[in-house]
Amino acid sequence: MTGVGPSQPAGGLPRGVRLGVDVGDVRVGLARSDLDGMIATPVETLERATAVERVVQEAREATAHAIMVGLPRSLSGAEGAAAAKARDFATELATRLAAEPVEVEVRLVDERLTTVSAHRALHTSGRKGRKHRQVVDQVAAVMILQQALDTERATGRRAGEQVEVGAAGASGQGTQEEA
């Protein structure tokens, strides 16, 4: 590849911020990356009712290129009620972003066991169990985004499946590009 510069890193993806989202029934965790897509950091925990608008606001302010929404699957790969809720959130987000003047991809990324891992990491760090709820969604969002960033660097492609918005509205079914 020739002409790799600050706007086009060696991986083939454009340079820019990516956001990570962990969708829960009550709370939504939000994380963001640096411009080079190297490391994910926590942003905040959002109330579910206002989360879509806040994620859109963060995407606008950060000039995000992609939003990685965690898709909880069982160990067998099957999707249940939690996955349906994540798909609904991603579809709502993609539909809302389609009205924005900036182009932002919304992608669903397999997030098996991230909440369990987030609780384990918080416990290991010495944080008391009752206080986990305040930050566990942020930690899970960081884990989702970091996994996606690592996949991007390894493959040179966006992680997960893109959520498409069609003429008749959003469709939660997209293209699968996960490694």
C-alpha atoms as a PDB file:
ATOM      1  CA  MET A   1       0.000   0.000   0.000  1.00  0.00           C
ATOM      2  CA  THR A   2       1.365   3.404  -0.917  1.00  0.00           C
ATOM      3  CA  GLY A   3       0.513   6.830   0.378  1.00  0.00           C
ATOM      4  CA  VAL A   4      -0.255   5.738   3.926  1.00  0.00           C
ATOM      5  CA  GLY A   5      -0.546   8.940   5.929  1.00  0.00           C
ATOM      6  CA  PRO A   6      -2.256  10.295   8.999  1.00  0.00           C
ATOM      7  CA  SER A   7      -5.736   9.766   7.563  1.00  0.00           C
ATOM      8  CA  GLN A   8      -5.071   6.218   6.297  1.00  0.00           C
ATOM      9  CA  PRO A   9      -3.081   3.962   8.656  1.00  0.00           C
ATOM     10  CA  ALA A  10      -1.334   0.797   7.529  1.00  0.00           C
ATOM     11  CA  GLY A  11      -4.349  -1.374   8.467  1.00  0.00           C
ATOM     12  CA  GLY A  12      -6.375   0.039   5.582  1.00  0.00           C
ATOM     13  CA  LEU A  13      -9.052   1.646   7.756  1.00  0.00           C
ATOM     14  CA  PRO A  14      -9.375   5.406   8.052  1.00  0.00           C
ATOM     15  CA  ARG A  15      -7.988   7.018  11.170  1.00  0.00           C
ATOM     16  CA  GLY A  16     -10.674   8.098  13.624  1.00  0.00           C
ATOM     17  CA  VAL A  17     -12.462   7.563  16.903  1.00  0.00           C
ATOM     18  CA  ARG A  18     -14.608   4.478  17.428  1.00  0.00           C
ATOM     19  CA  LEU A  19     -17.220   4.137  20.171  1.00  0.00           C
ATOM     20  CA  GLY A  20     -18.126   0.980  22.075  1.00  0.00           C
ATOM     21  CA  VAL A  21     -21.562   0.348  23.572  1.00  0.00           C
ATOM     22  CA  ASP A  22     -22.720  -2.272  26.082  1.00  0.00           C
ATOM     23  CA  VAL A  23     -26.535  -2.394  26.093  1.00  0.00           C
ATOM     24  CA  GLY A  24     -28.383  -3.390  29.232  1.00  0.00           C
ATOM     25  CA  ASP A  25     -32.026  -3.217  30.268  1.00  0.00           C
ATOM     26  CA  VAL A  26     -31.440  -0.316  32.670  1.00  0.00           C
ATOM     27  CA  ARG A  27     -27.979   1.058  31.841  1.00  0.00           C
ATOM     28  CA  VAL A  28     -25.782   1.393  28.777  1.00  0.00           C
ATOM     29  CA  GLY A  29     -21.993   1.555  28.975  1.00  0.00           C
ATOM     30  CA  LEU A  30     -20.117   3.856  26.615  1.00  0.00           C
ATOM     31  CA  ALA A  31     -16.426   3.752  25.693  1.00  0.00           C
ATOM     32  CA  ARG A  32     -14.309   5.456  23.041  1.00  0.00           C
ATOM     33  CA  SER A  33     -11.003   4.918  21.318  1.00  0.00           C
ATOM     34  CA  ASP A  34      -8.164   7.246  20.494  1.00  0.00           C
ATOM     35  CA  LEU A  35      -7.842   8.527  16.903  1.00  0.00           C
ATOM     36  CA  ASP A  36      -5.554   5.662  15.929  1.00  0.00           C
ATOM     37  CA  GLY A  37      -7.861   2.953  17.251  1.00  0.00           C
ATOM     38  CA  MET A  38      -5.258   1.554  19.607  1.00  0.00           C
ATOM     39  CA  ILE A  39      -6.894   1.679  23.021  1.00  0.00           C
ATOM     40  CA  ALA A  40     -10.418   1.862  24.411  1.00  0.00           C
ATOM     41  CA  THR A  41     -11.235   3.974  27.450  1.00  0.00           C
ATOM     42  CA  PRO A  42     -14.458   4.340  29.463  1.00  0.00           C
ATOM     43  CA  VAL A  43     -16.673   7.395  28.907  1.00  0.00           C
ATOM     44  CA  GLU A  44     -19.766   7.003  31.069  1.00  0.00           C
ATOM     45  CA  THR A  45     -22.729   4.898  32.117  1.00  0.00           C
ATOM     46  CA  LEU A  46     -26.003   6.052  30.572  1.00  0.00           C
ATOM     47  CA  GLU A  47     -29.638   5.541  31.494  1.00  0.00           C
ATOM     48  CA  ARG A  48     -31.209   3.263  28.878  1.00  0.00           C
ATOM     49  CA  ALA A  49     -34.066   5.683  28.156  1.00  0.00           C
ATOM     50  CA  THR A  50     -31.718   8.469  26.964  1.00  0.00           C
ATOM     51  CA  ALA A  51     -28.788   6.377  25.738  1.00  0.00           C
ATOM     52  CA  VAL A  52     -29.385   6.610  21.977  1.00  0.00           C
ATOM     53  CA  GLU A  53     -29.387  10.405  22.007  1.00  0.00           C
ATOM     54  CA  ARG A  54     -26.293  10.540  24.223  1.00  0.00           C
ATOM     55  CA  VAL A  55     -24.397   8.092  21.973  1.00  0.00           C
ATOM     56  CA  VAL A  56     -25.362  10.200  18.931  1.00  0.00           C
ATOM     57  CA  GLN A  57     -24.120  13.304  20.756  1.00  0.00           C
ATOM     58  CA  GLU A  58     -20.807  11.616  21.626  1.00  0.00           C
ATOM     59  CA  ALA A  59     -20.420  10.376  18.035  1.00  0.00           C
ATOM     60  CA  ARG A  60     -20.994  13.897  16.751  1.00  0.00           C
ATOM     61  CA  GLU A  61     -18.582  15.515  19.257  1.00  0.00           C
ATOM     62  CA  ALA A  62     -15.847  12.916  18.693  1.00  0.00           C
ATOM     63  CA  THR A  63     -16.425  12.737  14.922  1.00  0.00           C
ATOM     64  CA  ALA A  64     -16.630   8.976  15.375  1.00  0.00           C
ATOM     65  CA  HIS A  65     -16.226   6.700  12.359  1.00  0.00           C
ATOM     66  CA  ALA A  66     -17.834   3.591  13.843  1.00  0.00           C
ATOM     67  CA  ILE A  67     -19.912   2.535  16.826  1.00  0.00           C
ATOM     68  CA  MET A  68     -19.449  -1.029  18.026  1.00  0.00           C
ATOM     69  CA  VAL A  69     -22.530  -2.327  19.840  1.00  0.00           C
ATOM     70  CA  GLY A  70     -22.049  -5.517  21.832  1.00  0.00           C
ATOM     71  CA  LEU A  71     -24.150  -8.470  20.659  1.00  0.00           C
ATOM     72  CA  PRO A  72     -24.569 -10.947  23.517  1.00  0.00           C
ATOM     73  CA  ARG A  73     -24.664 -14.505  22.248  1.00  0.00           C
ATOM     74  CA  SER A  74     -24.654 -17.760  24.173  1.00  0.00           C
ATOM     75  CA  LEU A  75     -21.509 -19.883  24.115  1.00  0.00           C
ATOM     76  CA  SER A  76     -23.085 -21.909  21.293  1.00  0.00           C
ATOM     77  CA  GLY A  77     -23.531 -18.728  19.261  1.00  0.00           C
ATOM     78  CA  ALA A  78     -27.322 -18.659  19.628  1.00  0.00           C
ATOM     79  CA  GLU A  79     -29.080 -15.341  20.147  1.00  0.00           C
ATOM     80  CA  GLY A  80     -31.696 -14.833  22.843  1.00  0.00           C
ATOM     81  CA  ALA A  81     -33.702 -11.954  24.285  1.00  0.00           C
ATOM     82  CA  ALA A  82     -30.620  -9.905  25.236  1.00  0.00           C
ATOM     83  CA  ALA A  83     -29.288 -10.134  21.676  1.00  0.00           C
ATOM     84  CA  ALA A  84     -32.664  -9.021  20.310  1.00  0.00           C
ATOM     85  CA  LYS A  85     -32.525  -5.968  22.603  1.00  0.00           C
ATOM     86  CA  ALA A  86     -28.995  -5.159  21.436  1.00  0.00           C
ATOM     87  CA  ARG A  87     -30.085  -5.480  17.791  1.00  0.00           C
ATOM     88  CA  ASP A  88     -33.070  -3.193  18.471  1.00  0.00           C
ATOM     89  CA  PHE A  89     -30.784  -0.625  20.125  1.00  0.00           C
ATOM     90  CA  ALA A  90     -28.311  -0.791  17.213  1.00  0.00           C
ATOM     91  CA  THR A  91     -31.134  -0.386  14.691  1.00  0.00           C
ATOM     92  CA  GLU A  92     -32.551   2.587  16.597  1.00  0.00           C
ATOM     93  CA  LEU A  93     -29.070   4.115  16.776  1.00  0.00           C
ATOM     94  CA  ALA A  94     -28.365   3.561  13.062  1.00  0.00           C
ATOM     95  CA  THR A  95     -31.744   5.072  12.136  1.00  0.00           C
ATOM     96  CA  ARG A  96     -31.088   8.125  14.310  1.00  0.00           C
ATOM     97  CA  LEU A  97     -27.554   8.538  12.912  1.00  0.00           C
ATOM     98  CA  ALA A  98     -28.872   8.388   9.334  1.00  0.00           C
ATOM     99  CA  ALA A  99     -30.425  11.811  10.008  1.00  0.00           C
ATOM    100  CA  GLU A 100     -27.039  13.267  11.019  1.00  0.00           C
ATOM    101  CA  PRO A 101     -24.766  15.117   8.571  1.00  0.00           C
ATOM    102  CA  VAL A 102     -21.836  12.807   9.432  1.00  0.00           C
ATOM    103  CA  GLU A 103     -21.415   9.228   8.293  1.00  0.00           C
ATOM    104  CA  VAL A 104     -21.000   6.746  11.161  1.00  0.00           C
ATOM    105  CA  GLU A 105     -21.134   2.961  10.824  1.00  0.00           C
ATOM    106  CA  VAL A 106     -23.048   1.043  13.476  1.00  0.00           C
ATOM    107  CA  ARG A 107     -21.756  -2.501  13.885  1.00  0.00           C
ATOM    108  CA  LEU A 108     -22.775  -5.435  16.062  1.00  0.00           C
ATOM    109  CA  VAL A 109     -19.801  -7.166  17.689  1.00  0.00           C
ATOM    110  CA  ASP A 110     -19.955 -10.552  19.427  1.00  0.00           C
ATOM    111  CA  GLU A 111     -19.556  -9.870  23.137  1.00  0.00           C
ATOM    112  CA  ARG A 112     -19.786 -13.279  24.760  1.00  0.00           C
ATOM    113  CA  LEU A 113     -18.918 -13.110  28.451  1.00  0.00           C
ATOM    114  CA  THR A 114     -17.847  -9.438  28.511  1.00  0.00           C
ATOM    115  CA  THR A 115     -20.111  -8.553  31.447  1.00  0.00           C
ATOM    116  CA  VAL A 116     -18.865 -11.598  33.367  1.00  0.00           C
ATOM    117  CA  SER A 117     -15.280 -10.611  32.539  1.00  0.00           C
ATOM    118  CA  ALA A 118     -15.979  -7.016  33.551  1.00  0.00           C
ATOM    119  CA  HIS A 119     -17.323  -8.116  36.955  1.00  0.00           C
ATOM    120  CA  ARG A 120     -14.295 -10.381  37.408  1.00  0.00           C
ATOM    121  CA  ALA A 121     -11.872  -7.575  36.513  1.00  0.00           C
ATOM    122  CA  LEU A 122     -13.567  -5.187  38.945  1.00  0.00           C
ATOM    123  CA  HIS A 123     -13.506  -7.790  41.709  1.00  0.00           C
ATOM    124  CA  THR A 124      -9.826  -8.535  41.064  1.00  0.00           C
ATOM    125  CA  SER A 125      -9.040  -4.807  41.229  1.00  0.00           C
ATOM    126  CA  GLY A 126     -10.526  -4.698  44.733  1.00  0.00           C
ATOM    127  CA  ARG A 127     -13.763  -2.913  43.900  1.00  0.00           C
ATOM    128  CA  LYS A 128     -16.638  -4.086  46.115  1.00  0.00           C
ATOM    129  CA  GLY A 129     -19.480  -6.005  44.451  1.00  0.00           C
ATOM    130  CA  ARG A 130     -22.165  -3.433  45.263  1.00  0.00           C
ATOM    131  CA  LYS A 131     -20.165  -0.734  43.509  1.00  0.00           C
ATOM    132  CA  HIS A 132     -19.742  -2.806  40.335  1.00  0.00           C
ATOM    133  CA  ARG A 133     -23.090  -1.666  38.939  1.00  0.00           C
ATOM    134  CA  GLN A 134     -21.859   1.926  38.734  1.00  0.00           C
ATOM    135  CA  VAL A 135     -19.077   1.064  36.309  1.00  0.00           C
ATOM    136  CA  VAL A 136     -19.522  -2.511  35.036  1.00  0.00           C
ATOM    137  CA  ASP A 137     -21.325  -1.329  31.890  1.00  0.00           C
ATOM    138  CA  GLN A 138     -18.444   1.042  31.100  1.00  0.00           C
ATOM    139  CA  VAL A 139     -15.895  -1.728  31.633  1.00  0.00           C
ATOM    140  CA  ALA A 140     -17.925  -4.078  29.401  1.00  0.00           C
ATOM    141  CA  ALA A 141     -18.114  -1.339  26.721  1.00  0.00           C
ATOM    142  CA  VAL A 142     -14.315  -0.950  26.928  1.00  0.00           C
ATOM    143  CA  MET A 143     -13.899  -4.732  26.492  1.00  0.00           C
ATOM    144  CA  ILE A 144     -16.269  -4.782  23.497  1.00  0.00           C
ATOM    145  CA  LEU A 145     -14.486  -1.879  21.839  1.00  0.00           C
ATOM    146  CA  GLN A 146     -10.979  -3.164  22.602  1.00  0.00           C
ATOM    147  CA  GLN A 147     -11.860  -6.547  21.077  1.00  0.00           C
ATOM    148  CA  ALA A 148     -13.133  -4.749  17.961  1.00  0.00           C
ATOM    149  CA  LEU A 149      -9.999  -2.581  17.756  1.00  0.00           C
ATOM    150  CA  ASP A 150      -7.766  -5.647  18.081  1.00  0.00           C
ATOM    151  CA  THR A 151      -9.749  -7.357  15.299  1.00  0.00           C
ATOM    152  CA  GLU A 152      -9.391  -4.278  13.086  1.00  0.00           C
ATOM    153  CA  ARG A 153      -5.626  -4.237  13.530  1.00  0.00           C
ATOM    154  CA  ALA A 154      -5.337  -7.990  12.894  1.00  0.00           C
ATOM    155  CA  THR A 155      -7.571  -8.076   9.802  1.00  0.00           C
ATOM    156  CA  GLY A 156      -7.489  -4.545   8.357  1.00  0.00           C
ATOM    157  CA  ARG A 157     -11.313  -4.577   8.331  1.00  0.00           C
ATOM    158  CA  ARG A 158     -14.060  -3.391  10.649  1.00  0.00           C
ATOM    159  CA  ALA A 159     -15.142  -5.958  13.212  1.00  0.00           C
ATOM    160  CA  GLY A 160     -18.671  -7.321  13.426  1.00  0.00           C
ATOM    161  CA  GLU A 161     -21.688  -6.978  11.213  1.00  0.00           C
ATOM    162  CA  GLN A 162     -22.845  -3.638   9.893  1.00  0.00           C
ATOM    163  CA  VAL A 163     -26.361  -2.496  10.728  1.00  0.00           C
ATOM    164  CA  GLU A 164     -27.903  -1.221   7.517  1.00  0.00           C
ATOM    165  CA  VAL A 165     -30.547   1.488   7.270  1.00  0.00           C
ATOM    166  CA  GLY A 166     -32.770   0.938   4.250  1.00  0.00           C
ATOM    167  CA  ALA A 167     -35.275   3.148   2.480  1.00  0.00           C
ATOM    168  CA  ALA A 168     -38.113   1.727   4.574  1.00  0.00           C
ATOM    169  CA  GLY A 169     -36.172   2.120   7.830  1.00  0.00           C
ATOM    170  CA  ALA A 170     -33.422   0.225   9.534  1.00  0.00           C
ATOM    171  CA  SER A 171     -32.808  -3.443   9.168  1.00  0.00           C
ATOM    172  CA  GLY A 172     -30.938  -5.165  11.974  1.00  0.00           C
ATOM    173  CA  GLN A 173     -29.496  -7.625   9.479  1.00  0.00           C
ATOM    174  CA  GLY A 174     -26.186  -6.612   7.997  1.00  0.00           C
ATOM    175  CA  THR A 175     -23.108  -8.047   6.457  1.00  0.00           C
ATOM    176  CA  GLN A 176     -20.939 -10.354   8.501  1.00  0.00           C
ATOM    177  CA  GLU A 177     -17.257  -9.410   8.501  1.00  0.00           C
ATOM    178  CA  GLU A 178     -16.147 -10.828  11.818  1.00  0.00           C
ATOM    179  CA  ALA A 179     -12.922 -12.767  11.914  1.00  0.00           C
END
